[in-house]
Each structure stands twice: as structure tokens, then as C-alpha cells.
Amino acid sequence: MAFHIVLVEPEIPANTGNIARTCAATGTHLHLVRPLGFSTSDSQLKRAGLDYWHSVNISYHDSFAELQAQYPEGRFYFASTRVSKRYCDYQFRDGDFFVFGKETKGLPQELLDANPDTGMRMPMTDKVRSLNLANSAAIVIYEALRQTGFPGMEG
């Protein structure tokens, strides 16, 4: 098993490339939910992922519902600035899914409303609207790995 990062309609290729690199470094499965705001042949996407693309387990989905149907037993956590519970308030386990929305709008409110018990936020000051998507994904995946003892990782 492995953790999963889900990007719902990502818009910025460099963020997705950086997240892909984090996935390669952590053995995390990356899921991209269409429509994507860029071409997968985009040079910024490739550059941000460097030469680690061969190490990324990546899947594409036409909708979030399609992804959930493929993993009916999956535990899904939804990152948003519009929820109150912090990411570190959860006890994660191997195989969990961490869902992030598009950079300009986040996750659809309907998705957050349908999953009120699994919304999570990163604490921050009121000086910014949100953290960078790639940073948020890294924060959450490393917390999940810390909680599970960094399985399969050195150091």
C-alpha cells in the first residue's frame, strides 16, 4: 500500500511537477483529475519533476467520482482553507487519500459539504489566503509518513 495525493483540476504545471517529485521521493501514488489546466507534455511540468517521472506512480481520472468508485474502501481527506479541523488532528494510515483542489479556487464546496468529517486545513496567519499547493501536499504527506513511521524510507 501507499499513500495517495489527488489533484482535482490542477492549473499550474510547476506545482504538479513539484508534487510529482515529492511523490517519487515518498512512494506516494499521484492521481490527476481532469480537466488539467496544462498539457502533460508541458516543459514547466517536466522541468519541475526533473528526471524523477519514471519513479512516479501516476493515474488520470475523468472525474473525482470515477476515482472514488475505483477505491470504494478508500479514506479520503480534503484539504481546504474553508474547514476548521487541522491536518495534524487526524490519525492517518497507509493507503489514505489526500485531496487538493485547483490553485485558484480550491475544492468545490459541494465536495467539502459532502465530506464534513474529513476536511483538513494547514494553520496559518491571516496575512495570506492559502499556502502553495505543492507545499501543502508535502506538509500533509510527510505528516502521514511521520505518523506511520516512514515505512520503506531511509533516515
N, C-alpha and C. Protein backbone atom coordinates (compact mmCIF):
# COMPACT_ATOMS: atom_id res chain seq x y z
N MET A 1 0.85 -1.19 0.00
CA MET A 1 0.00 0.00 0.00
C MET A 1 0.88 1.24 0.00
N ALA A 2 0.28 2.32 -0.32
CA ALA A 2 0.97 3.61 -0.32
C ALA A 2 -0.07 4.69 -0.08
N PHE A 3 0.40 5.85 0.31
CA PHE A 3 -0.49 7.00 0.39
C PHE A 3 -0.79 7.49 -1.02
N HIS A 4 -1.82 8.33 -1.12
CA HIS A 4 -2.25 8.87 -2.41
C HIS A 4 -2.43 10.37 -2.29
N ILE A 5 -1.93 11.10 -3.28
CA ILE A 5 -2.23 12.53 -3.40
C ILE A 5 -3.10 12.67 -4.64
N VAL A 6 -4.23 13.37 -4.46
CA VAL A 6 -5.17 13.59 -5.54
C VAL A 6 -5.22 15.09 -5.83
N LEU A 7 -4.98 15.45 -7.08
CA LEU A 7 -5.09 16.85 -7.51
C LEU A 7 -6.32 16.95 -8.41
N VAL A 8 -7.31 17.69 -7.93
CA VAL A 8 -8.54 17.88 -8.69
C VAL A 8 -8.40 19.13 -9.55
N GLU A 9 -8.33 18.93 -10.84
CA GLU A 9 -8.24 20.01 -11.83
C GLU A 9 -7.09 20.98 -11.56
N PRO A 10 -5.87 20.46 -11.41
CA PRO A 10 -4.73 21.36 -11.18
C PRO A 10 -4.52 22.29 -12.37
N GLU A 11 -4.02 23.50 -12.09
CA GLU A 11 -3.89 24.52 -13.12
C GLU A 11 -2.45 24.90 -13.45
N ILE A 12 -1.54 24.74 -12.51
CA ILE A 12 -0.18 25.25 -12.69
C ILE A 12 0.78 24.07 -12.84
N PRO A 13 1.39 23.93 -14.00
CA PRO A 13 2.24 22.76 -14.24
C PRO A 13 3.40 22.62 -13.27
N ALA A 14 4.00 23.72 -12.86
CA ALA A 14 5.14 23.63 -11.94
C ALA A 14 4.73 23.04 -10.59
N ASN A 15 3.54 23.38 -10.11
CA ASN A 15 3.06 22.78 -8.85
C ASN A 15 2.89 21.27 -9.00
N THR A 16 2.26 20.85 -10.08
CA THR A 16 2.06 19.42 -10.30
C THR A 16 3.40 18.71 -10.45
N GLY A 17 4.35 19.32 -11.14
CA GLY A 17 5.68 18.73 -11.27
C GLY A 17 6.38 18.61 -9.93
N ASN A 18 6.27 19.63 -9.10
CA ASN A 18 6.88 19.56 -7.76
C ASN A 18 6.23 18.49 -6.91
N ILE A 19 4.92 18.37 -7.01
CA ILE A 19 4.20 17.33 -6.26
C ILE A 19 4.60 15.95 -6.77
N ALA A 20 4.77 15.81 -8.07
CA ALA A 20 5.22 14.54 -8.64
C ALA A 20 6.58 14.15 -8.08
N ARG A 21 7.46 15.12 -7.94
CA ARG A 21 8.79 14.85 -7.37
C ARG A 21 8.66 14.40 -5.92
N THR A 22 7.78 15.04 -5.15
CA THR A 22 7.53 14.62 -3.77
C THR A 22 6.97 13.20 -3.75
N CYS A 23 6.09 12.89 -4.68
CA CYS A 23 5.53 11.54 -4.76
C CYS A 23 6.62 10.51 -5.05
N ALA A 24 7.53 10.84 -5.95
CA ALA A 24 8.64 9.93 -6.26
C ALA A 24 9.50 9.71 -5.03
N ALA A 25 9.75 10.76 -4.26
CA ALA A 25 10.62 10.66 -3.08
C ALA A 25 9.97 9.90 -1.93
N THR A 26 8.64 9.84 -1.93
CA THR A 26 7.93 9.24 -0.80
C THR A 26 7.17 7.97 -1.14
N GLY A 27 7.20 7.56 -2.40
CA GLY A 27 6.46 6.37 -2.81
C GLY A 27 4.95 6.59 -2.81
N THR A 28 4.55 7.83 -2.98
CA THR A 28 3.13 8.18 -2.97
C THR A 28 2.55 8.10 -4.38
N HIS A 29 1.34 7.57 -4.48
CA HIS A 29 0.64 7.45 -5.76
C HIS A 29 -0.01 8.80 -6.06
N LEU A 30 0.23 9.34 -7.25
CA LEU A 30 -0.33 10.62 -7.67
C LEU A 30 -1.52 10.39 -8.59
N HIS A 31 -2.64 11.04 -8.28
CA HIS A 31 -3.85 10.96 -9.10
C HIS A 31 -4.17 12.36 -9.61
N LEU A 32 -4.36 12.48 -10.91
CA LEU A 32 -4.75 13.75 -11.52
C LEU A 32 -6.16 13.62 -12.06
N VAL A 33 -7.04 14.52 -11.60
CA VAL A 33 -8.43 14.51 -12.03
C VAL A 33 -8.63 15.60 -13.07
N ARG A 34 -9.09 15.22 -14.25
CA ARG A 34 -9.32 16.15 -15.34
C ARG A 34 -10.53 17.03 -15.10
N PRO A 35 -10.58 18.19 -15.77
CA PRO A 35 -9.62 18.68 -16.76
C PRO A 35 -8.38 19.28 -16.10
N LEU A 36 -7.26 19.09 -16.75
CA LEU A 36 -6.00 19.67 -16.30
C LEU A 36 -5.85 21.05 -16.96
N GLY A 37 -5.24 21.97 -16.26
CA GLY A 37 -5.04 23.31 -16.79
C GLY A 37 -3.79 23.44 -17.63
N PHE A 38 -3.23 22.34 -18.08
CA PHE A 38 -1.99 22.32 -18.84
C PHE A 38 -1.89 21.00 -19.58
N SER A 39 -0.97 20.94 -20.51
CA SER A 39 -0.69 19.70 -21.23
C SER A 39 0.33 18.89 -20.43
N THR A 40 0.19 17.60 -20.43
CA THR A 40 1.16 16.77 -19.71
C THR A 40 2.52 16.75 -20.41
N SER A 41 2.60 17.34 -21.58
CA SER A 41 3.90 17.48 -22.24
C SER A 41 4.52 18.85 -21.96
N ASP A 42 3.88 19.65 -21.11
CA ASP A 42 4.35 21.00 -20.78
C ASP A 42 5.77 20.95 -20.23
N SER A 43 6.62 21.84 -20.74
CA SER A 43 8.03 21.85 -20.33
C SER A 43 8.19 22.24 -18.86
N GLN A 44 7.34 23.13 -18.34
CA GLN A 44 7.43 23.50 -16.92
C GLN A 44 7.09 22.31 -16.02
N LEU A 45 6.11 21.53 -16.44
CA LEU A 45 5.74 20.33 -15.69
C LEU A 45 6.91 19.36 -15.65
N LYS A 46 7.48 19.10 -16.79
CA LYS A 46 8.62 18.17 -16.88
C LYS A 46 9.82 18.69 -16.09
N ARG A 47 10.09 19.99 -16.20
CA ARG A 47 11.24 20.57 -15.51
C ARG A 47 11.07 20.47 -13.99
N ALA A 48 9.88 20.76 -13.49
CA ALA A 48 9.65 20.72 -12.04
C ALA A 48 9.79 19.31 -11.50
N GLY A 49 9.43 18.31 -12.30
CA GLY A 49 9.56 16.92 -11.86
C GLY A 49 10.95 16.36 -12.08
N LEU A 50 11.80 17.14 -12.75
CA LEU A 50 13.17 16.75 -13.08
C LEU A 50 13.19 15.38 -13.74
N ASP A 51 14.15 14.57 -13.37
CA ASP A 51 14.28 13.26 -14.02
C ASP A 51 13.67 12.15 -13.16
N TYR A 52 12.65 12.49 -12.39
CA TYR A 52 12.02 11.52 -11.49
C TYR A 52 10.71 10.97 -12.03
N TRP A 53 10.30 11.38 -13.21
CA TRP A 53 8.99 10.97 -13.72
C TRP A 53 8.86 9.45 -13.81
N HIS A 54 9.95 8.76 -14.12
CA HIS A 54 9.89 7.30 -14.22
C HIS A 54 9.60 6.65 -12.87
N SER A 55 9.80 7.37 -11.77
CA SER A 55 9.57 6.83 -10.43
C SER A 55 8.21 7.21 -9.85
N VAL A 56 7.39 7.91 -10.62
CA VAL A 56 6.09 8.36 -10.13
C VAL A 56 5.00 7.40 -10.60
N ASN A 57 4.23 6.89 -9.65
CA ASN A 57 3.06 6.09 -9.97
C ASN A 57 1.92 7.10 -10.17
N ILE A 58 1.51 7.32 -11.41
CA ILE A 58 0.55 8.37 -11.72
C ILE A 58 -0.66 7.78 -12.45
N SER A 59 -1.84 8.23 -12.04
CA SER A 59 -3.09 7.81 -12.67
C SER A 59 -3.89 9.05 -13.05
N TYR A 60 -4.64 8.93 -14.13
CA TYR A 60 -5.50 10.02 -14.60
C TYR A 60 -6.95 9.58 -14.48
N HIS A 61 -7.81 10.50 -14.09
CA HIS A 61 -9.23 10.21 -13.91
C HIS A 61 -10.05 11.31 -14.57
N ASP A 62 -11.19 10.93 -15.13
CA ASP A 62 -12.06 11.92 -15.78
C ASP A 62 -12.93 12.67 -14.79
N SER A 63 -13.07 12.15 -13.57
CA SER A 63 -13.84 12.84 -12.54
C SER A 63 -13.42 12.32 -11.18
N PHE A 64 -13.75 13.10 -10.15
CA PHE A 64 -13.45 12.64 -8.80
C PHE A 64 -14.32 11.43 -8.45
N ALA A 65 -15.56 11.42 -8.93
CA ALA A 65 -16.45 10.29 -8.67
C ALA A 65 -15.87 8.99 -9.25
N GLU A 66 -15.25 9.10 -10.42
CA GLU A 66 -14.61 7.93 -11.03
C GLU A 66 -13.49 7.40 -10.13
N LEU A 67 -12.68 8.30 -9.61
CA LEU A 67 -11.59 7.90 -8.71
C LEU A 67 -12.15 7.21 -7.47
N GLN A 68 -13.16 7.81 -6.84
CA GLN A 68 -13.74 7.20 -5.64
C GLN A 68 -14.33 5.82 -5.93
N ALA A 69 -14.94 5.66 -7.09
CA ALA A 69 -15.51 4.37 -7.46
C ALA A 69 -14.44 3.30 -7.60
N GLN A 70 -13.23 3.69 -8.00
CA GLN A 70 -12.13 2.73 -8.13
C GLN A 70 -11.57 2.31 -6.78
N TYR A 71 -11.81 3.13 -5.75
CA TYR A 71 -11.29 2.86 -4.41
C TYR A 71 -12.43 2.98 -3.39
N PRO A 72 -13.42 2.09 -3.45
CA PRO A 72 -14.60 2.24 -2.58
C PRO A 72 -14.29 2.15 -1.09
N GLU A 73 -13.21 1.52 -0.73
CA GLU A 73 -12.83 1.41 0.69
C GLU A 73 -11.85 2.50 1.11
N GLY A 74 -11.51 3.40 0.19
CA GLY A 74 -10.52 4.44 0.48
C GLY A 74 -10.99 5.45 1.51
N ARG A 75 -10.05 5.94 2.28
CA ARG A 75 -10.33 7.02 3.23
C ARG A 75 -9.80 8.30 2.59
N PHE A 76 -10.68 9.25 2.34
CA PHE A 76 -10.34 10.48 1.63
C PHE A 76 -10.37 11.66 2.59
N TYR A 77 -9.31 12.47 2.56
CA TYR A 77 -9.20 13.69 3.35
C TYR A 77 -9.09 14.86 2.39
N PHE A 78 -9.82 15.94 2.68
CA PHE A 78 -9.97 17.05 1.75
C PHE A 78 -9.33 18.31 2.30
N ALA A 79 -8.30 18.80 1.63
CA ALA A 79 -7.57 19.99 2.06
C ALA A 79 -8.29 21.25 1.60
N SER A 80 -8.50 22.17 2.55
CA SER A 80 -9.18 23.41 2.21
C SER A 80 -8.94 24.44 3.29
N THR A 81 -8.95 25.69 2.90
CA THR A 81 -8.90 26.78 3.87
C THR A 81 -10.29 27.04 4.45
N ARG A 82 -11.32 26.38 3.91
CA ARG A 82 -12.69 26.63 4.34
C ARG A 82 -13.22 25.60 5.33
N VAL A 83 -12.32 24.90 6.00
CA VAL A 83 -12.71 23.94 7.03
C VAL A 83 -11.96 24.30 8.31
N SER A 84 -12.38 23.75 9.43
CA SER A 84 -11.78 24.15 10.70
C SER A 84 -10.79 23.14 11.27
N LYS A 85 -10.93 21.87 10.97
CA LYS A 85 -10.05 20.86 11.57
C LYS A 85 -8.67 20.89 10.90
N ARG A 86 -7.63 20.78 11.71
CA ARG A 86 -6.27 20.81 11.19
C ARG A 86 -5.82 19.43 10.70
N TYR A 87 -4.92 19.41 9.74
CA TYR A 87 -4.41 18.15 9.19
C TYR A 87 -3.78 17.28 10.27
N CYS A 88 -3.16 17.89 11.27
CA CYS A 88 -2.48 17.13 12.32
C CYS A 88 -3.44 16.61 13.39
N ASP A 89 -4.74 16.90 13.25
CA ASP A 89 -5.74 16.40 14.18
C ASP A 89 -6.22 15.00 13.80
N TYR A 90 -5.79 14.49 12.66
CA TYR A 90 -6.21 13.18 12.18
C TYR A 90 -5.15 12.13 12.46
N GLN A 91 -5.58 10.89 12.55
CA GLN A 91 -4.67 9.75 12.63
C GLN A 91 -4.72 9.05 11.27
N PHE A 92 -3.69 9.27 10.47
CA PHE A 92 -3.66 8.71 9.12
C PHE A 92 -3.16 7.28 9.15
N ARG A 93 -3.51 6.54 8.10
CA ARG A 93 -2.99 5.18 7.96
C ARG A 93 -2.65 4.92 6.49
N ASP A 94 -1.78 3.97 6.28
CA ASP A 94 -1.32 3.62 4.95
C ASP A 94 -2.49 3.43 4.02
N GLY A 95 -2.41 4.02 2.84
CA GLY A 95 -3.45 3.89 1.85
C GLY A 95 -4.41 5.06 1.80
N ASP A 96 -4.30 6.00 2.73
CA ASP A 96 -5.19 7.16 2.74
C ASP A 96 -4.96 8.05 1.52
N PHE A 97 -6.02 8.78 1.15
CA PHE A 97 -6.01 9.70 0.02
C PHE A 97 -6.09 11.13 0.55
N PHE A 98 -5.23 12.00 0.02
CA PHE A 98 -5.22 13.42 0.39
C PHE A 98 -5.58 14.21 -0.86
N VAL A 99 -6.72 14.90 -0.80
CA VAL A 99 -7.32 15.52 -1.97
C VAL A 99 -7.12 17.04 -1.91
N PHE A 100 -6.60 17.59 -3.00
CA PHE A 100 -6.34 19.03 -3.12
C PHE A 100 -7.04 19.57 -4.35
N GLY A 101 -7.52 20.79 -4.27
CA GLY A 101 -8.22 21.42 -5.37
C GLY A 101 -7.32 22.28 -6.22
N LYS A 102 -7.92 22.90 -7.21
CA LYS A 102 -7.18 23.76 -8.13
C LYS A 102 -6.65 24.99 -7.40
N GLU A 103 -5.56 25.52 -7.89
CA GLU A 103 -4.85 26.60 -7.22
C GLU A 103 -5.70 27.86 -7.04
N THR A 104 -6.55 28.20 -7.98
CA THR A 104 -7.29 29.46 -7.90
C THR A 104 -8.58 29.38 -7.10
N LYS A 105 -9.15 28.19 -6.96
CA LYS A 105 -10.46 28.07 -6.30
C LYS A 105 -10.53 27.02 -5.21
N GLY A 106 -9.54 26.16 -5.13
CA GLY A 106 -9.60 25.06 -4.17
C GLY A 106 -10.60 24.00 -4.60
N LEU A 107 -11.05 23.22 -3.63
CA LEU A 107 -12.02 22.17 -3.91
C LEU A 107 -13.42 22.75 -4.01
N PRO A 108 -14.28 22.13 -4.80
CA PRO A 108 -15.67 22.60 -4.87
C PRO A 108 -16.35 22.50 -3.50
N GLN A 109 -17.14 23.48 -3.16
CA GLN A 109 -17.83 23.49 -1.86
C GLN A 109 -18.71 22.25 -1.69
N GLU A 110 -19.31 21.78 -2.78
CA GLU A 110 -20.17 20.60 -2.70
C GLU A 110 -19.39 19.38 -2.20
N LEU A 111 -18.14 19.27 -2.61
CA LEU A 111 -17.30 18.15 -2.19
C LEU A 111 -16.98 18.27 -0.69
N LEU A 112 -16.70 19.48 -0.24
CA LEU A 112 -16.44 19.69 1.19
C LEU A 112 -17.70 19.44 2.00
N ASP A 113 -18.84 19.89 1.51
CA ASP A 113 -20.11 19.70 2.22
C ASP A 113 -20.47 18.22 2.32
N ALA A 114 -20.12 17.45 1.30
CA ALA A 114 -20.43 16.02 1.28
C ALA A 114 -19.49 15.21 2.18
N ASN A 115 -18.39 15.83 2.63
CA ASN A 115 -17.39 15.13 3.44
C ASN A 115 -16.99 15.98 4.64
N PRO A 116 -17.95 16.37 5.48
CA PRO A 116 -17.66 17.32 6.56
C PRO A 116 -16.72 16.79 7.64
N ASP A 117 -16.61 15.48 7.77
CA ASP A 117 -15.78 14.91 8.83
C ASP A 117 -14.34 14.67 8.43
N THR A 118 -14.00 14.95 7.17
CA THR A 118 -12.62 14.67 6.72
C THR A 118 -11.99 15.88 6.02
N GLY A 119 -12.47 17.06 6.31
CA GLY A 119 -11.82 18.27 5.81
C GLY A 119 -10.63 18.61 6.69
N MET A 120 -9.57 19.12 6.09
CA MET A 120 -8.38 19.47 6.87
C MET A 120 -7.76 20.75 6.32
N ARG A 121 -7.16 21.50 7.22
CA ARG A 121 -6.51 22.75 6.83
C ARG A 121 -5.13 22.81 7.44
N MET A 122 -4.28 23.66 6.87
CA MET A 122 -2.97 23.95 7.42
C MET A 122 -3.10 25.27 8.19
N PRO A 123 -2.72 25.31 9.46
CA PRO A 123 -2.80 26.57 10.20
C PRO A 123 -1.87 27.62 9.59
N MET A 124 -2.33 28.86 9.55
CA MET A 124 -1.51 29.96 9.02
C MET A 124 -2.07 31.28 9.52
N THR A 125 -1.31 32.31 9.34
CA THR A 125 -1.77 33.65 9.74
C THR A 125 -2.84 34.13 8.77
N ASP A 126 -3.43 35.26 9.08
CA ASP A 126 -4.43 35.84 8.20
C ASP A 126 -3.82 36.74 7.12
N LYS A 127 -2.52 36.70 6.97
CA LYS A 127 -1.83 37.55 6.00
C LYS A 127 -1.83 37.00 4.58
N VAL A 128 -2.19 35.71 4.43
CA VAL A 128 -2.28 35.10 3.11
C VAL A 128 -3.58 34.29 3.01
N ARG A 129 -4.03 34.06 1.79
CA ARG A 129 -5.26 33.27 1.58
C ARG A 129 -4.99 31.78 1.75
N SER A 130 -3.81 31.35 1.27
CA SER A 130 -3.51 29.92 1.32
C SER A 130 -2.02 29.70 1.09
N LEU A 131 -1.59 28.49 1.35
CA LEU A 131 -0.22 28.09 1.03
C LEU A 131 -0.15 27.62 -0.42
N ASN A 132 1.04 27.54 -0.95
CA ASN A 132 1.26 26.98 -2.27
C ASN A 132 0.81 25.52 -2.27
N LEU A 133 0.20 25.10 -3.36
CA LEU A 133 -0.33 23.74 -3.47
C LEU A 133 0.74 22.67 -3.24
N ALA A 134 1.90 22.84 -3.85
CA ALA A 134 2.96 21.84 -3.69
C ALA A 134 3.45 21.78 -2.24
N ASN A 135 3.53 22.93 -1.58
CA ASN A 135 3.94 22.93 -0.17
C ASN A 135 2.89 22.25 0.70
N SER A 136 1.63 22.53 0.44
CA SER A 136 0.55 21.91 1.22
C SER A 136 0.57 20.39 1.08
N ALA A 137 0.74 19.91 -0.14
CA ALA A 137 0.79 18.47 -0.37
C ALA A 137 1.97 17.84 0.37
N ALA A 138 3.12 18.50 0.34
CA ALA A 138 4.30 17.97 1.03
C ALA A 138 4.09 17.95 2.55
N ILE A 139 3.49 18.99 3.10
CA ILE A 139 3.23 19.03 4.53
C ILE A 139 2.38 17.84 4.95
N VAL A 140 1.31 17.60 4.22
CA VAL A 140 0.37 16.54 4.59
C VAL A 140 1.00 15.16 4.41
N ILE A 141 1.68 14.93 3.30
CA ILE A 141 2.23 13.59 3.08
C ILE A 141 3.32 13.28 4.10
N TYR A 142 4.12 14.26 4.45
CA TYR A 142 5.16 13.99 5.44
C TYR A 142 4.58 13.80 6.84
N GLU A 143 3.48 14.44 7.16
CA GLU A 143 2.81 14.17 8.43
C GLU A 143 2.27 12.75 8.45
N ALA A 144 1.66 12.31 7.36
CA ALA A 144 1.15 10.95 7.28
C ALA A 144 2.29 9.93 7.39
N LEU A 145 3.39 10.22 6.73
CA LEU A 145 4.55 9.32 6.82
C LEU A 145 5.14 9.31 8.23
N ARG A 146 5.20 10.47 8.87
CA ARG A 146 5.69 10.53 10.25
C ARG A 146 4.82 9.68 11.17
N GLN A 147 3.52 9.82 11.01
CA GLN A 147 2.59 9.07 11.86
C GLN A 147 2.72 7.56 11.69
N THR A 148 3.09 7.12 10.49
CA THR A 148 3.19 5.69 10.22
C THR A 148 4.63 5.16 10.26
N GLY A 149 5.55 5.98 10.78
CA GLY A 149 6.93 5.53 10.97
C GLY A 149 7.79 5.56 9.72
N PHE A 150 7.43 6.34 8.73
CA PHE A 150 8.19 6.45 7.48
C PHE A 150 8.50 5.09 6.87
N PRO A 151 7.45 4.29 6.57
CA PRO A 151 7.69 2.95 6.04
C PRO A 151 8.42 2.97 4.71
N GLY A 152 9.42 2.11 4.59
CA GLY A 152 10.17 1.98 3.34
C GLY A 152 11.08 3.13 3.02
N MET A 153 11.30 4.04 3.98
CA MET A 153 12.14 5.19 3.72
C MET A 153 13.39 5.13 4.60
N GLU A 154 14.47 5.69 4.08
CA GLU A 154 15.71 5.76 4.83
C GLU A 154 15.71 7.01 5.69
N GLY A 155 16.42 6.95 6.80
CA GLY A 155 16.63 8.12 7.65
C GLY A 155 15.43 8.58 8.30
